[in-house]
């Protein structure tokens, strides 16, 4: 089994075969955060992307990912 401190809420829940209300809330919160971050990334222009060390292609790949994809 993987290191429990590095496991996400979803992997802990699925490894045990049970889903608690708290683990569902944690997963949904992570999805919302991820979606929000990708939306913010989508709004950055070329110069801002360069400031954070990303190319336009890298940003486009990240923005194309679904909210549930880590």
C-alpha atoms as a PDB file:
ATOM      1  CA  UNK A   1       0.000   0.000   0.000  1.00  0.00           C
ATOM      2  CA  UNK A   2       1.173   3.548  -0.712  1.00  0.00           C
ATOM      3  CA  UNK A   3       2.365   5.977   1.906  1.00  0.00           C
ATOM      4  CA  UNK A   4      -0.832   7.084   3.734  1.00  0.00           C
ATOM      5  CA  UNK A   5       0.425  10.646   4.174  1.00  0.00           C
ATOM      6  CA  UNK A   6       0.731  11.049   0.403  1.00  0.00           C
ATOM      7  CA  UNK A   7      -2.585   9.443  -0.494  1.00  0.00           C
ATOM      8  CA  UNK A   8      -5.469  11.655  -1.550  1.00  0.00           C
ATOM      9  CA  UNK A   9      -8.891  11.446   0.057  1.00  0.00           C
ATOM     10  CA  UNK A  10     -10.259   9.631  -2.971  1.00  0.00           C
ATOM     11  CA  UNK A  11      -7.502   7.008  -3.003  1.00  0.00           C
ATOM     12  CA  UNK A  12      -7.881   6.422   0.765  1.00  0.00           C
ATOM     13  CA  UNK A  13     -11.635   5.967   0.380  1.00  0.00           C
ATOM     14  CA  UNK A  14     -11.378   3.612  -2.571  1.00  0.00           C
ATOM     15  CA  UNK A  15      -8.603   1.572  -0.977  1.00  0.00           C
ATOM     16  CA  UNK A  16     -10.859   0.962   2.030  1.00  0.00           C
ATOM     17  CA  UNK A  17     -13.927   0.454  -0.143  1.00  0.00           C
ATOM     18  CA  UNK A  18     -15.954   3.013   1.819  1.00  0.00           C
ATOM     19  CA  UNK A  19     -16.854   6.625   1.266  1.00  0.00           C
ATOM     20  CA  UNK A  20     -17.535   8.836   4.249  1.00  0.00           C
ATOM     21  CA  UNK A  21     -19.361  12.117   3.909  1.00  0.00           C
ATOM     22  CA  UNK A  22     -16.131  13.934   4.811  1.00  0.00           C
ATOM     23  CA  UNK A  23     -14.157  12.183   2.071  1.00  0.00           C
ATOM     24  CA  UNK A  24     -16.819  13.076  -0.503  1.00  0.00           C
ATOM     25  CA  UNK A  25     -16.685  16.718   0.621  1.00  0.00           C
ATOM     26  CA  UNK A  26     -12.866  16.697   0.345  1.00  0.00           C
ATOM     27  CA  UNK A  27     -13.010  15.295  -3.183  1.00  0.00           C
ATOM     28  CA  UNK A  28     -15.621  17.814  -4.321  1.00  0.00           C
ATOM     29  CA  UNK A  29     -13.599  20.653  -2.770  1.00  0.00           C
ATOM     30  CA  UNK A  30     -10.472  19.473  -4.605  1.00  0.00           C
ATOM     31  CA  UNK A  31     -12.420  19.329  -7.879  1.00  0.00           C
ATOM     32  CA  UNK A  32     -13.752  22.865  -7.390  1.00  0.00           C
ATOM     33  CA  UNK A  33     -10.283  24.186  -6.578  1.00  0.00           C
ATOM     34  CA  UNK A  34      -8.788  22.469  -9.610  1.00  0.00           C
ATOM     35  CA  UNK A  35     -11.518  23.807 -11.918  1.00  0.00           C
ATOM     36  CA  UNK A  36     -11.061  27.326 -10.546  1.00  0.00           C
ATOM     37  CA  UNK A  37      -7.283  27.210 -10.987  1.00  0.00           C
ATOM     38  CA  UNK A  38      -7.579  25.988 -14.566  1.00  0.00           C
ATOM     39  CA  UNK A  39     -10.104  28.710 -15.327  1.00  0.00           C
ATOM     40  CA  UNK A  40      -7.701  31.335 -13.941  1.00  0.00           C
ATOM     41  CA  UNK A  41      -4.848  29.847 -15.974  1.00  0.00           C
ATOM     42  CA  UNK A  42      -6.982  30.075 -19.118  1.00  0.00           C
ATOM     43  CA  UNK A  43      -7.311  33.843 -18.614  1.00  0.00           C
ATOM     44  CA  UNK A  44      -3.542  34.528 -18.503  1.00  0.00           C
ATOM     45  CA  UNK A  45      -1.897  36.086 -21.537  1.00  0.00           C
ATOM     46  CA  UNK A  46       1.436  35.043 -23.064  1.00  0.00           C
ATOM     47  CA  UNK A  47       3.463  37.463 -20.939  1.00  0.00           C
ATOM     48  CA  UNK A  48       1.855  36.336 -17.684  1.00  0.00           C
ATOM     49  CA  UNK A  49       2.403  32.696 -18.614  1.00  0.00           C
ATOM     50  CA  UNK A  50       6.072  33.417 -19.274  1.00  0.00           C
ATOM     51  CA  UNK A  51       6.312  35.039 -15.813  1.00  0.00           C
ATOM     52  CA  UNK A  52       5.181  31.792 -14.185  1.00  0.00           C
ATOM     53  CA  UNK A  53       7.335  29.630 -16.431  1.00  0.00           C
ATOM     54  CA  UNK A  54       4.697  28.077 -18.690  1.00  0.00           C
ATOM     55  CA  UNK A  55       4.423  28.050 -22.452  1.00  0.00           C
ATOM     56  CA  UNK A  56       1.092  28.611 -24.161  1.00  0.00           C
ATOM     57  CA  UNK A  57       1.062  24.949 -25.190  1.00  0.00           C
ATOM     58  CA  UNK A  58       1.635  23.755 -21.612  1.00  0.00           C
ATOM     59  CA  UNK A  59      -1.128  26.026 -20.331  1.00  0.00           C
ATOM     60  CA  UNK A  60      -3.501  24.833 -23.066  1.00  0.00           C
ATOM     61  CA  UNK A  61      -2.809  21.177 -22.177  1.00  0.00           C
ATOM     62  CA  UNK A  62      -3.487  21.842 -18.498  1.00  0.00           C
ATOM     63  CA  UNK A  63      -6.682  23.789 -19.246  1.00  0.00           C
ATOM     64  CA  UNK A  64      -7.951  20.989 -21.494  1.00  0.00           C
ATOM     65  CA  UNK A  65      -7.869  18.501 -18.630  1.00  0.00           C
ATOM     66  CA  UNK A  66     -11.136  17.709 -16.852  1.00  0.00           C
ATOM     67  CA  UNK A  67     -11.673  18.887 -13.280  1.00  0.00           C
ATOM     68  CA  UNK A  68     -11.451  15.345 -11.926  1.00  0.00           C
ATOM     69  CA  UNK A  69      -8.050  14.732 -13.546  1.00  0.00           C
ATOM     70  CA  UNK A  70      -5.178  15.412 -11.169  1.00  0.00           C
END
